[in-house]
Amino acid sequence: MDDIQDPKAKEEKIQPEKEKKNLIQKIQSKIPDRNEQFEYFGLGVRFLVVLWSGSLVTLNYLPKIPGLTSGEKQDITFPASLLSSSLLSFGLEKSAKNKESSSSSSSSSNGKSNIKAELKELLEIIKLTQMQGDVKPVTQEQRIDPITNRPIDPVTGKLV
């Protein structure tokens, strides 16, 4: 009797399979905003660049590892520049310590006050370079040469 089963019971046992989603479809369902998806994608790419370039720079300084490195020092200029620029995009920078900055930082007890002063200075420069108000064309009066009493062309600056 085990061989003979009710077809209705068989249909009930079979559950509809869930549609399998690939990685992109899963991301799109969890993050509906397109701009935010691009931000996460860019973050992932930058992180992979950091891992790749960091591993190449690190492997260059390790001794010979059979099957992995040749033991020779390679030119790592390109991976090092990628590493530094991608770390900079994450907000990490190399701190430059020279005599001028060390003497100024020792005079101020807090390094943040120095940064605040620099930011205030930059903001003042930005305010100076910003255009304020509407731009309106200024009509120039006809200039006259004081020696010859002839009119001066406003475009070329030559006597007319």
N, C-alpha and C. Protein backbone atom coordinates (compact mmCIF):
# COMPACT_ATOMS: atom_id res chain seq x y z
N MET A 1 0.80 -1.18 0.00
CA MET A 1 0.00 0.00 0.00
C MET A 1 0.85 1.26 0.00
N ASP A 2 2.09 1.13 0.34
CA ASP A 2 2.95 2.30 0.36
C ASP A 2 3.17 2.84 -1.05
N ASP A 3 3.15 1.93 -2.04
CA ASP A 3 3.38 2.36 -3.40
C ASP A 3 2.21 3.19 -3.94
N ILE A 4 1.04 2.91 -3.50
CA ILE A 4 -0.12 3.65 -3.97
C ILE A 4 -0.39 4.78 -3.00
N GLN A 5 -0.28 6.00 -3.54
CA GLN A 5 -0.52 7.17 -2.70
C GLN A 5 -1.55 8.06 -3.37
N ASP A 6 -2.17 8.82 -2.57
CA ASP A 6 -3.17 9.75 -3.08
C ASP A 6 -2.45 10.91 -3.77
N PRO A 7 -2.78 11.25 -5.06
CA PRO A 7 -2.10 12.35 -5.76
C PRO A 7 -2.33 13.70 -5.08
N LYS A 8 -3.43 13.88 -4.41
CA LYS A 8 -3.69 15.14 -3.72
C LYS A 8 -2.72 15.33 -2.56
N ALA A 9 -2.41 14.25 -1.86
CA ALA A 9 -1.48 14.31 -0.74
C ALA A 9 -0.08 14.64 -1.24
N LYS A 10 0.28 14.16 -2.43
CA LYS A 10 1.58 14.43 -3.02
C LYS A 10 1.72 15.91 -3.36
N GLU A 11 0.65 16.51 -3.89
CA GLU A 11 0.68 17.93 -4.25
C GLU A 11 0.82 18.81 -3.02
N GLU A 12 0.20 18.37 -1.92
CA GLU A 12 0.29 19.16 -0.70
C GLU A 12 1.71 19.15 -0.13
N LYS A 13 2.42 18.03 -0.31
CA LYS A 13 3.77 17.92 0.21
C LYS A 13 4.75 18.80 -0.57
N ILE A 14 4.50 18.96 -1.86
CA ILE A 14 5.40 19.76 -2.68
C ILE A 14 5.07 21.23 -2.44
N GLN A 15 6.02 21.93 -1.87
CA GLN A 15 5.83 23.35 -1.61
C GLN A 15 6.47 24.13 -2.74
N PRO A 16 5.89 25.24 -3.07
CA PRO A 16 6.50 26.03 -4.14
C PRO A 16 7.89 26.50 -3.72
N GLU A 17 8.85 26.33 -4.62
CA GLU A 17 10.22 26.72 -4.32
C GLU A 17 10.35 28.23 -4.38
N LYS A 18 11.13 28.76 -3.48
CA LYS A 18 11.38 30.20 -3.50
C LYS A 18 12.27 30.54 -4.68
N GLU A 19 11.98 31.66 -5.26
CA GLU A 19 12.80 32.09 -6.39
C GLU A 19 14.18 32.45 -5.89
N LYS A 20 15.20 31.85 -6.48
CA LYS A 20 16.56 32.12 -6.04
C LYS A 20 17.01 33.45 -6.59
N LYS A 21 17.56 34.28 -5.71
CA LYS A 21 18.03 35.61 -6.11
C LYS A 21 19.55 35.62 -6.13
N ASN A 22 20.09 36.33 -7.11
CA ASN A 22 21.53 36.49 -7.13
C ASN A 22 21.91 37.65 -6.22
N LEU A 23 23.19 37.93 -6.11
CA LEU A 23 23.68 38.94 -5.17
C LEU A 23 23.12 40.33 -5.47
N ILE A 24 23.07 40.68 -6.74
CA ILE A 24 22.58 42.02 -7.11
C ILE A 24 21.11 42.18 -6.75
N GLN A 25 20.29 41.15 -6.98
CA GLN A 25 18.88 41.22 -6.65
C GLN A 25 18.66 41.30 -5.14
N LYS A 26 19.50 40.62 -4.37
CA LYS A 26 19.39 40.70 -2.91
C LYS A 26 19.71 42.11 -2.42
N ILE A 27 20.75 42.71 -3.01
CA ILE A 27 21.11 44.07 -2.62
C ILE A 27 20.00 45.05 -2.99
N GLN A 28 19.43 44.88 -4.19
CA GLN A 28 18.36 45.77 -4.63
C GLN A 28 17.12 45.64 -3.76
N SER A 29 16.84 44.44 -3.25
CA SER A 29 15.67 44.28 -2.40
C SER A 29 15.90 44.87 -1.00
N LYS A 30 17.15 44.82 -0.52
CA LYS A 30 17.43 45.36 0.81
C LYS A 30 17.66 46.87 0.79
N ILE A 31 18.23 47.39 -0.30
CA ILE A 31 18.51 48.82 -0.40
C ILE A 31 17.80 49.34 -1.64
N PRO A 32 16.61 49.90 -1.49
CA PRO A 32 15.86 50.32 -2.68
C PRO A 32 16.40 51.60 -3.34
N ASP A 33 17.09 52.45 -2.59
CA ASP A 33 17.58 53.71 -3.14
C ASP A 33 18.78 53.45 -4.05
N ARG A 34 18.71 53.93 -5.29
CA ARG A 34 19.76 53.67 -6.28
C ARG A 34 21.08 54.36 -5.90
N ASN A 35 21.00 55.58 -5.39
CA ASN A 35 22.22 56.29 -5.00
C ASN A 35 22.92 55.59 -3.85
N GLU A 36 22.15 55.09 -2.92
CA GLU A 36 22.74 54.38 -1.78
C GLU A 36 23.39 53.06 -2.24
N GLN A 37 22.79 52.42 -3.25
CA GLN A 37 23.39 51.21 -3.81
C GLN A 37 24.76 51.52 -4.41
N PHE A 38 24.85 52.64 -5.13
CA PHE A 38 26.14 53.04 -5.72
C PHE A 38 27.17 53.36 -4.64
N GLU A 39 26.71 53.96 -3.53
CA GLU A 39 27.63 54.26 -2.43
C GLU A 39 28.23 52.97 -1.86
N TYR A 40 27.36 51.98 -1.63
CA TYR A 40 27.85 50.71 -1.10
C TYR A 40 28.77 50.00 -2.10
N PHE A 41 28.43 50.07 -3.37
CA PHE A 41 29.26 49.46 -4.40
C PHE A 41 30.64 50.14 -4.44
N GLY A 42 30.65 51.47 -4.39
CA GLY A 42 31.91 52.21 -4.38
C GLY A 42 32.74 51.90 -3.15
N LEU A 43 32.07 51.75 -2.02
CA LEU A 43 32.77 51.40 -0.79
C LEU A 43 33.42 50.02 -0.92
N GLY A 44 32.69 49.07 -1.52
CA GLY A 44 33.24 47.73 -1.72
C GLY A 44 34.44 47.73 -2.65
N VAL A 45 34.36 48.50 -3.73
CA VAL A 45 35.47 48.56 -4.67
C VAL A 45 36.70 49.18 -4.00
N ARG A 46 36.49 50.26 -3.26
CA ARG A 46 37.63 50.90 -2.57
C ARG A 46 38.25 49.94 -1.56
N PHE A 47 37.40 49.18 -0.86
CA PHE A 47 37.91 48.23 0.13
C PHE A 47 38.72 47.13 -0.55
N LEU A 48 38.24 46.63 -1.70
CA LEU A 48 39.00 45.61 -2.43
C LEU A 48 40.33 46.16 -2.93
N VAL A 49 40.36 47.41 -3.36
CA VAL A 49 41.62 48.02 -3.82
C VAL A 49 42.59 48.13 -2.65
N VAL A 50 42.09 48.49 -1.47
CA VAL A 50 42.96 48.57 -0.28
C VAL A 50 43.53 47.19 0.04
N LEU A 51 42.69 46.17 0.01
CA LEU A 51 43.17 44.82 0.31
C LEU A 51 44.21 44.36 -0.71
N TRP A 52 43.93 44.56 -1.99
CA TRP A 52 44.84 44.10 -3.04
C TRP A 52 46.18 44.83 -2.97
N SER A 53 46.13 46.16 -2.93
CA SER A 53 47.38 46.92 -2.93
C SER A 53 48.14 46.72 -1.63
N GLY A 54 47.43 46.62 -0.52
CA GLY A 54 48.09 46.37 0.76
C GLY A 54 48.78 45.02 0.80
N SER A 55 48.14 44.01 0.20
CA SER A 55 48.77 42.70 0.18
C SER A 55 50.01 42.69 -0.72
N LEU A 56 49.96 43.40 -1.86
CA LEU A 56 51.14 43.46 -2.72
C LEU A 56 52.31 44.17 -2.04
N VAL A 57 52.00 45.27 -1.36
CA VAL A 57 53.07 46.00 -0.67
C VAL A 57 53.63 45.14 0.46
N THR A 58 52.77 44.46 1.19
CA THR A 58 53.23 43.62 2.30
C THR A 58 54.06 42.45 1.79
N LEU A 59 53.59 41.79 0.72
CA LEU A 59 54.33 40.65 0.18
C LEU A 59 55.71 41.05 -0.34
N ASN A 60 55.86 42.29 -0.76
CA ASN A 60 57.15 42.74 -1.26
C ASN A 60 58.20 42.77 -0.15
N TYR A 61 57.78 43.02 1.09
CA TYR A 61 58.73 43.12 2.19
C TYR A 61 58.94 41.81 2.92
N LEU A 62 58.17 40.77 2.59
CA LEU A 62 58.34 39.48 3.23
C LEU A 62 59.48 38.71 2.57
N PRO A 63 60.11 37.80 3.31
CA PRO A 63 61.14 36.96 2.67
C PRO A 63 60.48 35.99 1.69
N LYS A 64 61.30 35.20 1.02
CA LYS A 64 60.79 34.28 0.00
C LYS A 64 59.86 33.25 0.63
N ILE A 65 58.66 33.17 0.05
CA ILE A 65 57.67 32.18 0.47
C ILE A 65 57.49 31.25 -0.72
N PRO A 66 57.82 29.97 -0.57
CA PRO A 66 57.73 29.04 -1.71
C PRO A 66 56.31 28.99 -2.28
N GLY A 67 56.22 29.18 -3.58
CA GLY A 67 54.94 29.12 -4.26
C GLY A 67 54.15 30.41 -4.23
N LEU A 68 54.61 31.38 -3.45
CA LEU A 68 53.87 32.63 -3.35
C LEU A 68 54.69 33.81 -3.82
N THR A 69 55.92 33.92 -3.35
CA THR A 69 56.77 35.04 -3.76
C THR A 69 58.10 34.51 -4.26
N SER A 70 58.76 35.34 -5.07
CA SER A 70 60.06 34.93 -5.61
C SER A 70 61.20 35.36 -4.69
N GLY A 71 60.92 36.23 -3.73
CA GLY A 71 61.97 36.69 -2.84
C GLY A 71 62.67 37.93 -3.34
N GLU A 72 62.46 38.27 -4.62
CA GLU A 72 63.07 39.48 -5.18
C GLU A 72 62.21 40.69 -4.85
N LYS A 73 62.86 41.78 -4.68
CA LYS A 73 62.12 43.02 -4.44
C LYS A 73 61.58 43.53 -5.77
N GLN A 74 60.29 43.80 -5.82
CA GLN A 74 59.63 44.29 -7.03
C GLN A 74 59.37 45.78 -6.89
N ASP A 75 59.09 46.40 -8.02
CA ASP A 75 58.72 47.81 -8.00
C ASP A 75 57.26 47.93 -7.57
N ILE A 76 57.05 48.52 -6.42
CA ILE A 76 55.69 48.60 -5.86
C ILE A 76 55.15 50.03 -5.91
N THR A 77 55.64 50.83 -6.83
CA THR A 77 55.21 52.22 -6.90
C THR A 77 53.71 52.32 -7.15
N PHE A 78 53.23 51.57 -8.14
CA PHE A 78 51.81 51.64 -8.49
C PHE A 78 50.91 51.15 -7.35
N PRO A 79 51.15 49.94 -6.79
CA PRO A 79 50.30 49.51 -5.67
C PRO A 79 50.40 50.42 -4.45
N ALA A 80 51.58 50.99 -4.22
CA ALA A 80 51.73 51.89 -3.07
C ALA A 80 50.94 53.17 -3.28
N SER A 81 50.93 53.69 -4.50
CA SER A 81 50.14 54.91 -4.75
C SER A 81 48.65 54.61 -4.66
N LEU A 82 48.23 53.43 -5.15
CA LEU A 82 46.82 53.05 -5.01
C LEU A 82 46.44 52.88 -3.54
N LEU A 83 47.33 52.29 -2.77
CA LEU A 83 47.06 52.09 -1.35
C LEU A 83 46.91 53.43 -0.64
N SER A 84 47.82 54.35 -0.91
CA SER A 84 47.75 55.63 -0.21
C SER A 84 46.53 56.43 -0.65
N SER A 85 46.18 56.41 -1.94
CA SER A 85 45.02 57.18 -2.39
C SER A 85 43.72 56.56 -1.93
N SER A 86 43.64 55.23 -1.89
CA SER A 86 42.41 54.60 -1.42
C SER A 86 42.25 54.75 0.09
N LEU A 87 43.35 54.72 0.83
CA LEU A 87 43.25 54.98 2.27
C LEU A 87 42.86 56.43 2.53
N LEU A 88 43.34 57.33 1.68
CA LEU A 88 42.96 58.74 1.79
C LEU A 88 41.48 58.92 1.53
N SER A 89 40.91 58.12 0.62
CA SER A 89 39.47 58.22 0.35
C SER A 89 38.65 57.75 1.55
N PHE A 90 39.23 56.92 2.41
CA PHE A 90 38.57 56.52 3.64
C PHE A 90 38.82 57.51 4.78
N GLY A 91 39.66 58.50 4.55
CA GLY A 91 39.93 59.51 5.56
C GLY A 91 41.19 59.28 6.35
N LEU A 92 42.00 58.32 5.97
CA LEU A 92 43.26 58.06 6.68
C LEU A 92 44.40 58.72 5.93
N GLU A 93 45.19 59.52 6.62
CA GLU A 93 46.34 60.14 5.97
C GLU A 93 47.58 59.96 6.83
N LYS A 94 48.70 60.06 6.16
CA LYS A 94 49.97 59.99 6.85
C LYS A 94 50.19 61.33 7.54
N SER A 95 50.56 61.29 8.81
CA SER A 95 50.81 62.54 9.51
C SER A 95 52.23 63.00 9.21
N ALA A 96 52.34 64.23 8.77
CA ALA A 96 53.66 64.78 8.45
C ALA A 96 54.21 65.44 9.70
N LYS A 97 55.35 64.96 10.16
CA LYS A 97 55.97 65.54 11.35
C LYS A 97 57.28 66.18 10.93
N ASN A 98 57.26 67.50 10.90
CA ASN A 98 58.50 68.21 10.63
C ASN A 98 58.76 69.17 11.78
N LYS A 99 59.83 69.89 11.72
CA LYS A 99 60.22 70.75 12.83
C LYS A 99 59.21 71.86 13.06
N GLU A 100 58.65 72.41 11.97
CA GLU A 100 57.70 73.51 12.13
C GLU A 100 56.43 73.05 12.82
N SER A 101 55.87 71.90 12.39
CA SER A 101 54.61 71.44 12.98
C SER A 101 54.82 70.96 14.41
N SER A 102 55.98 70.38 14.71
CA SER A 102 56.21 69.90 16.08
C SER A 102 56.36 71.07 17.04
N SER A 103 56.98 72.17 16.60
CA SER A 103 57.12 73.32 17.49
C SER A 103 55.78 74.00 17.69
N SER A 104 54.95 74.07 16.65
CA SER A 104 53.65 74.71 16.81
C SER A 104 52.70 73.83 17.60
N SER A 105 52.81 72.49 17.45
CA SER A 105 51.93 71.62 18.20
C SER A 105 52.34 71.55 19.67
N SER A 106 53.63 71.74 19.97
CA SER A 106 54.04 71.72 21.36
C SER A 106 53.59 72.99 22.07
N SER A 107 53.44 74.09 21.33
CA SER A 107 52.99 75.32 21.96
C SER A 107 51.51 75.25 22.29
N SER A 108 50.72 74.55 21.46
CA SER A 108 49.30 74.41 21.78
C SER A 108 49.09 73.05 22.43
N SER A 109 48.32 73.04 23.51
CA SER A 109 48.14 71.80 24.23
C SER A 109 47.24 70.84 23.48
N ASN A 110 46.36 71.36 22.64
CA ASN A 110 45.44 70.50 21.92
C ASN A 110 45.65 70.69 20.42
N GLY A 111 45.84 69.60 19.68
CA GLY A 111 46.04 69.68 18.23
C GLY A 111 44.79 70.10 17.50
N LYS A 112 43.61 69.90 18.12
CA LYS A 112 42.36 70.26 17.48
C LYS A 112 42.22 71.77 17.33
N SER A 113 42.76 72.52 18.26
CA SER A 113 42.65 73.98 18.16
C SER A 113 43.41 74.48 16.94
N ASN A 114 44.52 73.82 16.61
CA ASN A 114 45.29 74.17 15.43
C ASN A 114 44.47 73.89 14.18
N ILE A 115 43.78 72.78 14.15
CA ILE A 115 42.94 72.42 13.01
C ILE A 115 41.78 73.39 12.90
N LYS A 116 41.21 73.77 14.03
CA LYS A 116 40.10 74.72 14.01
C LYS A 116 40.54 76.05 13.43
N ALA A 117 41.73 76.49 13.78
CA ALA A 117 42.23 77.75 13.26
C ALA A 117 42.43 77.66 11.75
N GLU A 118 42.95 76.53 11.27
CA GLU A 118 43.14 76.36 9.84
C GLU A 118 41.80 76.34 9.11
N LEU A 119 40.80 75.67 9.70
CA LEU A 119 39.49 75.63 9.07
C LEU A 119 38.84 77.00 9.01
N LYS A 120 38.99 77.80 10.08
CA LYS A 120 38.45 79.15 10.07
C LYS A 120 39.10 79.99 8.99
N GLU A 121 40.40 79.82 8.82
CA GLU A 121 41.11 80.57 7.79
C GLU A 121 40.62 80.16 6.40
N LEU A 122 40.43 78.87 6.19
CA LEU A 122 39.93 78.40 4.90
C LEU A 122 38.52 78.90 4.62
N LEU A 123 37.68 78.92 5.65
CA LEU A 123 36.32 79.42 5.46
C LEU A 123 36.32 80.90 5.11
N GLU A 124 37.21 81.66 5.70
CA GLU A 124 37.30 83.08 5.36
C GLU A 124 37.73 83.26 3.91
N ILE A 125 38.66 82.43 3.45
CA ILE A 125 39.10 82.52 2.06
C ILE A 125 37.95 82.17 1.13
N ILE A 126 37.18 81.15 1.50
CA ILE A 126 36.04 80.75 0.67
C ILE A 126 35.01 81.87 0.63
N LYS A 127 34.76 82.52 1.76
CA LYS A 127 33.80 83.61 1.78
C LYS A 127 34.26 84.75 0.89
N LEU A 128 35.57 84.99 0.83
CA LEU A 128 36.08 86.06 -0.01
C LEU A 128 35.91 85.74 -1.48
N THR A 129 36.04 84.46 -1.83
CA THR A 129 35.97 84.10 -3.23
C THR A 129 34.54 83.89 -3.72
N GLN A 130 33.57 83.76 -2.81
CA GLN A 130 32.20 83.56 -3.23
C GLN A 130 31.62 84.88 -3.75
N MET A 131 30.79 84.74 -4.75
CA MET A 131 30.12 85.92 -5.28
C MET A 131 28.89 86.17 -4.44
N GLN A 132 28.70 87.39 -4.05
CA GLN A 132 27.55 87.71 -3.23
C GLN A 132 26.58 88.55 -4.06
N GLY A 133 25.32 88.16 -4.03
CA GLY A 133 24.29 88.91 -4.74
C GLY A 133 24.23 88.52 -6.21
N ASP A 134 23.39 89.24 -6.93
CA ASP A 134 23.22 88.98 -8.35
C ASP A 134 24.32 89.65 -9.15
N VAL A 135 24.67 89.03 -10.24
CA VAL A 135 25.67 89.60 -11.13
C VAL A 135 24.93 90.44 -12.16
N LYS A 136 25.28 91.70 -12.21
CA LYS A 136 24.63 92.61 -13.16
C LYS A 136 25.72 93.24 -14.03
N PRO A 137 25.44 93.35 -15.32
CA PRO A 137 26.44 93.99 -16.17
C PRO A 137 26.53 95.49 -15.85
N VAL A 138 27.75 95.95 -15.82
CA VAL A 138 27.98 97.36 -15.53
C VAL A 138 28.28 98.06 -16.85
N THR A 139 27.52 99.07 -17.13
CA THR A 139 27.77 99.83 -18.35
C THR A 139 28.82 100.87 -18.05
N GLN A 140 29.81 100.92 -18.93
CA GLN A 140 30.88 101.88 -18.74
C GLN A 140 30.57 103.14 -19.53
N GLU A 141 30.90 104.25 -18.92
CA GLU A 141 30.78 105.50 -19.65
C GLU A 141 31.90 105.58 -20.67
N GLN A 142 31.66 106.31 -21.69
CA GLN A 142 32.68 106.48 -22.72
C GLN A 142 33.87 107.20 -22.11
N ARG A 143 35.02 106.51 -22.13
CA ARG A 143 36.24 107.13 -21.59
C ARG A 143 36.87 107.99 -22.68
N ILE A 144 37.43 109.05 -22.24
CA ILE A 144 38.08 109.99 -23.18
C ILE A 144 39.52 110.14 -22.78
N ASP A 145 40.40 110.07 -23.78
CA ASP A 145 41.84 110.24 -23.55
C ASP A 145 42.09 111.68 -23.13
N PRO A 146 42.76 111.90 -21.97
CA PRO A 146 42.97 113.27 -21.49
C PRO A 146 43.92 114.08 -22.37
N ILE A 147 44.79 113.42 -23.12
CA ILE A 147 45.76 114.16 -23.93
C ILE A 147 45.15 114.58 -25.26
N THR A 148 44.53 113.62 -25.97
CA THR A 148 44.01 113.93 -27.31
C THR A 148 42.53 114.27 -27.31
N ASN A 149 41.84 114.07 -26.20
CA ASN A 149 40.40 114.29 -26.08
C ASN A 149 39.61 113.47 -27.09
N ARG A 150 40.13 112.29 -27.44
CA ARG A 150 39.41 111.38 -28.32
C ARG A 150 38.86 110.23 -27.49
N PRO A 151 37.73 109.62 -27.91
CA PRO A 151 37.15 108.50 -27.14
C PRO A 151 38.03 107.24 -27.24
N ILE A 152 37.97 106.45 -26.16
CA ILE A 152 38.75 105.20 -26.09
C ILE A 152 37.77 104.04 -26.23
N ASP A 153 38.15 103.07 -27.11
CA ASP A 153 37.30 101.88 -27.32
C ASP A 153 37.33 101.03 -26.06
N PRO A 154 36.14 100.68 -25.46
CA PRO A 154 36.12 99.92 -24.20
C PRO A 154 36.61 98.47 -24.37
N VAL A 155 36.55 97.92 -25.56
CA VAL A 155 36.97 96.53 -25.76
C VAL A 155 38.47 96.43 -25.98
N THR A 156 39.00 97.23 -26.89
CA THR A 156 40.42 97.13 -27.24
C THR A 156 41.30 98.07 -26.46
N GLY A 157 40.74 99.17 -25.98
CA GLY A 157 41.53 100.15 -25.24
C GLY A 157 42.29 101.10 -26.15
N LYS A 158 41.99 101.06 -27.43
CA LYS A 158 42.66 101.93 -28.39
C LYS A 158 41.82 103.18 -28.63
N LEU A 159 42.49 104.18 -29.12
CA LEU A 159 41.77 105.40 -29.47
C LEU A 159 40.90 105.14 -30.68
N VAL A 160 39.71 105.68 -30.64
CA VAL A 160 38.78 105.51 -31.78
C VAL A 160 38.98 106.61 -32.78
